[in-house]
Amino acid sequence: MTEQLVYEIRRPTIDELESIRQLRHEVLDPARVVASDMTLGERDFDASTIHFAAFVDGVAQSTVRIDSLGEGIFEVRKMATREAYRGRGLGSAVLRAAVQVARKNHARLIQLDARQEALVFYAKLGYVLTGETVTHEDGILNYRMQKEVNHGR
């Protein structure tokens, strides 16, 4: 029998953002072709930015950032879940919590750029491929996905 995972989904505090940065670095950087600057940027501290994380025993194990692009369009960024916690519902719960806040902020469309290995994860959550591909400055090919949402529900 698998042990039930106990976790807390919430917005990280300003003081916890450094541990969020470390989680992003650990999960996202190994696949990068071009070294990235994984420091916390202006968007990480912007009041309109939506951060959520899943904490297990007080340690962030999954995180997401959603940026408002204006006109009801929001973008999922910096989604990362430690390998040991994948497939256990943390990433889905974190993303759903952040999208719920975006809905309350009048989101009509959530978009994201997904790596090949994350396409099935996002598809299970209702995101669809747009047919567009993007190679970011980190050298990794990403596939644009999006999902229409209704705010308030």
C-alpha atoms as a PDB file:
ATOM      1  CA  MET A   1       0.000   0.000   0.000  1.00  0.00           C
ATOM      2  CA  THR A   2       1.298   3.437  -0.952  1.00  0.00           C
ATOM      3  CA  GLU A   3       1.695   5.930   1.873  1.00  0.00           C
ATOM      4  CA  GLN A   4      -0.641   8.914   1.511  1.00  0.00           C
ATOM      5  CA  LEU A   5       1.247  12.099   0.738  1.00  0.00           C
ATOM      6  CA  VAL A   6       0.404  15.026   3.001  1.00  0.00           C
ATOM      7  CA  TYR A   7       1.061  18.422   1.467  1.00  0.00           C
ATOM      8  CA  GLU A   8      -0.025  22.038   1.700  1.00  0.00           C
ATOM      9  CA  ILE A   9      -0.814  24.152  -1.378  1.00  0.00           C
ATOM     10  CA  ARG A  10      -0.368  27.873  -0.816  1.00  0.00           C
ATOM     11  CA  ARG A  11       1.286  31.027  -2.007  1.00  0.00           C
ATOM     12  CA  PRO A  12       4.904  31.157  -0.837  1.00  0.00           C
ATOM     13  CA  THR A  13       6.000  34.054   1.320  1.00  0.00           C
ATOM     14  CA  ILE A  14       8.634  36.517   0.119  1.00  0.00           C
ATOM     15  CA  ASP A  15      11.097  34.783   2.454  1.00  0.00           C
ATOM     16  CA  GLU A  16      10.360  31.426   0.770  1.00  0.00           C
ATOM     17  CA  LEU A  17      11.063  32.673  -2.762  1.00  0.00           C
ATOM     18  CA  GLU A  18      14.758  31.769  -2.486  1.00  0.00           C
ATOM     19  CA  SER A  19      13.833  28.125  -1.861  1.00  0.00           C
ATOM     20  CA  ILE A  20      11.466  28.358  -4.852  1.00  0.00           C
ATOM     21  CA  ARG A  21      14.380  29.646  -6.960  1.00  0.00           C
ATOM     22  CA  GLN A  22      16.496  26.691  -5.825  1.00  0.00           C
ATOM     23  CA  LEU A  23      13.716  24.255  -6.752  1.00  0.00           C
ATOM     24  CA  ARG A  24      13.421  25.811 -10.221  1.00  0.00           C
ATOM     25  CA  HIS A  25      17.190  25.587 -10.679  1.00  0.00           C
ATOM     26  CA  GLU A  26      17.305  21.938  -9.581  1.00  0.00           C
ATOM     27  CA  VAL A  27      14.445  20.859 -11.848  1.00  0.00           C
ATOM     28  CA  LEU A  28      14.675  23.139 -14.889  1.00  0.00           C
ATOM     29  CA  ASP A  29      18.384  23.818 -15.394  1.00  0.00           C
ATOM     30  CA  PRO A  30      19.790  20.318 -16.056  1.00  0.00           C
ATOM     31  CA  ALA A  31      18.063  20.137 -19.461  1.00  0.00           C
ATOM     32  CA  ARG A  32      19.130  23.593 -20.612  1.00  0.00           C
ATOM     33  CA  VAL A  33      21.517  23.861 -23.538  1.00  0.00           C
ATOM     34  CA  VAL A  34      22.450  27.428 -22.642  1.00  0.00           C
ATOM     35  CA  ALA A  35      23.140  28.265 -19.015  1.00  0.00           C
ATOM     36  CA  SER A  36      20.375  30.384 -17.575  1.00  0.00           C
ATOM     37  CA  ASP A  37      20.253  33.149 -15.059  1.00  0.00           C
ATOM     38  CA  MET A  38      18.078  31.516 -12.413  1.00  0.00           C
ATOM     39  CA  THR A  39      18.103  34.521 -10.111  1.00  0.00           C
ATOM     40  CA  LEU A  40      14.817  35.902  -8.949  1.00  0.00           C
ATOM     41  CA  GLY A  41      13.675  38.609 -11.342  1.00  0.00           C
ATOM     42  CA  GLU A  42      11.363  41.599 -11.212  1.00  0.00           C
ATOM     43  CA  ARG A  43       8.359  39.452 -12.192  1.00  0.00           C
ATOM     44  CA  ASP A  44       8.913  37.268  -9.120  1.00  0.00           C
ATOM     45  CA  PHE A  45       8.210  40.278  -6.906  1.00  0.00           C
ATOM     46  CA  ASP A  46       5.515  41.943  -9.037  1.00  0.00           C
ATOM     47  CA  ALA A  47       2.194  42.230  -7.182  1.00  0.00           C
ATOM     48  CA  SER A  48       0.306  40.884 -10.228  1.00  0.00           C
ATOM     49  CA  THR A  49       2.389  37.698 -10.368  1.00  0.00           C
ATOM     50  CA  ILE A  50       0.679  34.576  -9.064  1.00  0.00           C
ATOM     51  CA  HIS A  51       2.974  32.146  -7.207  1.00  0.00           C
ATOM     52  CA  PHE A  52       1.880  28.832  -5.730  1.00  0.00           C
ATOM     53  CA  ALA A  53       3.799  25.937  -4.267  1.00  0.00           C
ATOM     54  CA  ALA A  54       3.175  22.546  -2.710  1.00  0.00           C
ATOM     55  CA  PHE A  55       4.967  22.120   0.587  1.00  0.00           C
ATOM     56  CA  VAL A  56       5.756  18.732   2.126  1.00  0.00           C
ATOM     57  CA  ASP A  57       7.051  18.992   5.691  1.00  0.00           C
ATOM     58  CA  GLY A  58       7.590  22.708   5.120  1.00  0.00           C
ATOM     59  CA  VAL A  59       9.746  22.257   1.987  1.00  0.00           C
ATOM     60  CA  ALA A  60       8.555  23.343  -1.469  1.00  0.00           C
ATOM     61  CA  GLN A  61       8.393  20.295  -3.760  1.00  0.00           C
ATOM     62  CA  SER A  62       6.390  21.793  -6.644  1.00  0.00           C
ATOM     63  CA  THR A  63       5.952  25.372  -7.821  1.00  0.00           C
ATOM     64  CA  VAL A  64       4.433  27.503 -10.540  1.00  0.00           C
ATOM     65  CA  ARG A  65       4.375  31.173 -11.461  1.00  0.00           C
ATOM     66  CA  ILE A  66       1.632  32.720 -13.590  1.00  0.00           C
ATOM     67  CA  ASP A  67       2.216  36.125 -15.173  1.00  0.00           C
ATOM     68  CA  SER A  68      -0.516  38.454 -16.378  1.00  0.00           C
ATOM     69  CA  LEU A  69       0.114  39.522 -19.971  1.00  0.00           C
ATOM     70  CA  GLY A  70      -2.900  41.842 -20.022  1.00  0.00           C
ATOM     71  CA  GLU A  71      -6.308  41.657 -21.680  1.00  0.00           C
ATOM     72  CA  GLY A  72      -7.248  38.501 -19.757  1.00  0.00           C
ATOM     73  CA  ILE A  73      -4.244  36.489 -20.963  1.00  0.00           C
ATOM     74  CA  PHE A  74      -2.078  34.791 -18.374  1.00  0.00           C
ATOM     75  CA  GLU A  75       1.074  32.725 -18.907  1.00  0.00           C
ATOM     76  CA  VAL A  76       2.266  29.736 -16.898  1.00  0.00           C
ATOM     77  CA  ARG A  77       5.980  30.085 -16.192  1.00  0.00           C
ATOM     78  CA  LYS A  78       8.600  28.317 -14.090  1.00  0.00           C
ATOM     79  CA  MET A  79       6.538  25.162 -13.422  1.00  0.00           C
ATOM     80  CA  ALA A  80       8.745  22.698 -11.563  1.00  0.00           C
ATOM     81  CA  THR A  81       8.168  19.563  -9.478  1.00  0.00           C
ATOM     82  CA  ARG A  82      10.939  17.515  -7.923  1.00  0.00           C
ATOM     83  CA  GLU A  83      11.228  14.124  -9.609  1.00  0.00           C
ATOM     84  CA  ALA A  84      10.457  12.183  -6.412  1.00  0.00           C
ATOM     85  CA  TYR A  85       7.080  13.937  -6.218  1.00  0.00           C
ATOM     86  CA  ARG A  86       5.977  13.636  -9.844  1.00  0.00           C
ATOM     87  CA  GLY A  87       2.872  11.595 -10.533  1.00  0.00           C
ATOM     88  CA  ARG A  88       1.536  12.190  -7.021  1.00  0.00           C
ATOM     89  CA  GLY A  89      -0.775  15.127  -7.760  1.00  0.00           C
ATOM     90  CA  LEU A  90       1.361  17.986  -6.489  1.00  0.00           C
ATOM     91  CA  GLY A  91       1.984  19.680  -9.849  1.00  0.00           C
ATOM     92  CA  SER A  92      -1.673  19.452 -10.855  1.00  0.00           C
ATOM     93  CA  ALA A  93      -2.822  20.845  -7.505  1.00  0.00           C
ATOM     94  CA  VAL A  94      -0.363  23.739  -7.641  1.00  0.00           C
ATOM     95  CA  LEU A  95      -1.336  24.671 -11.192  1.00  0.00           C
ATOM     96  CA  ARG A  96      -5.073  24.433 -10.467  1.00  0.00           C
ATOM     97  CA  ALA A  97      -4.700  26.702  -7.404  1.00  0.00           C
ATOM     98  CA  ALA A  98      -2.796  29.315  -9.398  1.00  0.00           C
ATOM     99  CA  VAL A  99      -5.281  29.181 -12.290  1.00  0.00           C
ATOM    100  CA  GLN A 100      -8.132  29.668  -9.821  1.00  0.00           C
ATOM    101  CA  VAL A 101      -6.543  32.958  -8.738  1.00  0.00           C
ATOM    102  CA  ALA A 102      -6.039  33.950 -12.394  1.00  0.00           C
ATOM    103  CA  ARG A 103      -9.757  33.282 -12.990  1.00  0.00           C
ATOM    104  CA  LYS A 104     -10.626  35.623 -10.141  1.00  0.00           C
ATOM    105  CA  ASN A 105      -8.412  38.183 -11.877  1.00  0.00           C
ATOM    106  CA  HIS A 106     -10.504  37.938 -15.076  1.00  0.00           C
ATOM    107  CA  ALA A 107      -8.416  35.388 -16.982  1.00  0.00           C
ATOM    108  CA  ARG A 108      -9.946  34.282 -20.256  1.00  0.00           C
ATOM    109  CA  LEU A 109      -6.932  32.399 -21.615  1.00  0.00           C
ATOM    110  CA  ILE A 110      -4.028  30.594 -19.949  1.00  0.00           C
ATOM    111  CA  GLN A 111      -1.059  29.875 -22.184  1.00  0.00           C
ATOM    112  CA  LEU A 112       2.234  28.117 -21.630  1.00  0.00           C
ATOM    113  CA  ASP A 113       5.287  26.792 -23.425  1.00  0.00           C
ATOM    114  CA  ALA A 114       5.799  23.105 -22.595  1.00  0.00           C
ATOM    115  CA  ARG A 115       8.808  20.904 -23.018  1.00  0.00           C
ATOM    116  CA  GLN A 116       8.226  17.637 -24.893  1.00  0.00           C
ATOM    117  CA  GLU A 117       8.233  15.600 -21.689  1.00  0.00           C
ATOM    118  CA  ALA A 118       5.480  17.766 -20.127  1.00  0.00           C
ATOM    119  CA  LEU A 119       2.960  17.661 -22.990  1.00  0.00           C
ATOM    120  CA  VAL A 120       0.918  14.763 -21.559  1.00  0.00           C
ATOM    121  CA  PHE A 121       0.826  16.395 -18.104  1.00  0.00           C
ATOM    122  CA  TYR A 122      -0.651  19.617 -19.475  1.00  0.00           C
ATOM    123  CA  ALA A 123      -2.986  17.825 -21.907  1.00  0.00           C
ATOM    124  CA  LYS A 124      -4.530  15.927 -18.968  1.00  0.00           C
ATOM    125  CA  LEU A 125      -5.315  19.321 -17.419  1.00  0.00           C
ATOM    126  CA  GLY A 126      -7.125  20.515 -20.549  1.00  0.00           C
ATOM    127  CA  TYR A 127      -4.378  22.447 -22.320  1.00  0.00           C
ATOM    128  CA  VAL A 128      -4.235  22.015 -26.098  1.00  0.00           C
ATOM    129  CA  LEU A 129      -1.418  22.478 -28.580  1.00  0.00           C
ATOM    130  CA  THR A 130      -1.674  25.589 -30.745  1.00  0.00           C
ATOM    131  CA  GLY A 131       0.733  24.284 -33.390  1.00  0.00           C
ATOM    132  CA  GLU A 132       3.298  26.938 -32.476  1.00  0.00           C
ATOM    133  CA  THR A 133       6.783  26.023 -31.258  1.00  0.00           C
ATOM    134  CA  VAL A 134       9.174  28.288 -29.410  1.00  0.00           C
ATOM    135  CA  THR A 135      12.876  27.895 -28.697  1.00  0.00           C
ATOM    136  CA  HIS A 136      13.684  30.002 -25.669  1.00  0.00           C
ATOM    137  CA  GLU A 137      17.063  31.541 -24.928  1.00  0.00           C
ATOM    138  CA  ASP A 138      17.870  28.410 -22.901  1.00  0.00           C
ATOM    139  CA  GLY A 139      18.045  26.442 -26.178  1.00  0.00           C
ATOM    140  CA  ILE A 140      15.118  24.098 -25.446  1.00  0.00           C
ATOM    141  CA  LEU A 141      12.304  23.581 -27.933  1.00  0.00           C
ATOM    142  CA  ASN A 142       8.901  24.219 -26.352  1.00  0.00           C
ATOM    143  CA  TYR A 143       5.393  23.676 -27.640  1.00  0.00           C
ATOM    144  CA  ARG A 144       2.795  26.404 -27.127  1.00  0.00           C
ATOM    145  CA  MET A 145      -0.342  25.204 -25.363  1.00  0.00           C
ATOM    146  CA  GLN A 146      -3.385  27.063 -24.150  1.00  0.00           C
ATOM    147  CA  LYS A 147      -6.660  26.701 -22.347  1.00  0.00           C
ATOM    148  CA  GLU A 148      -9.677  28.984 -22.341  1.00  0.00           C
ATOM    149  CA  VAL A 149     -11.052  29.672 -18.894  1.00  0.00           C
ATOM    150  CA  ASN A 150     -14.101  31.381 -17.491  1.00  0.00           C
ATOM    151  CA  HIS A 151     -13.366  33.722 -14.621  1.00  0.00           C
ATOM    152  CA  GLY A 152     -15.271  33.256 -11.432  1.00  0.00           C
ATOM    153  CA  ARG A 153     -15.848  29.510 -11.776  1.00  0.00           C
END
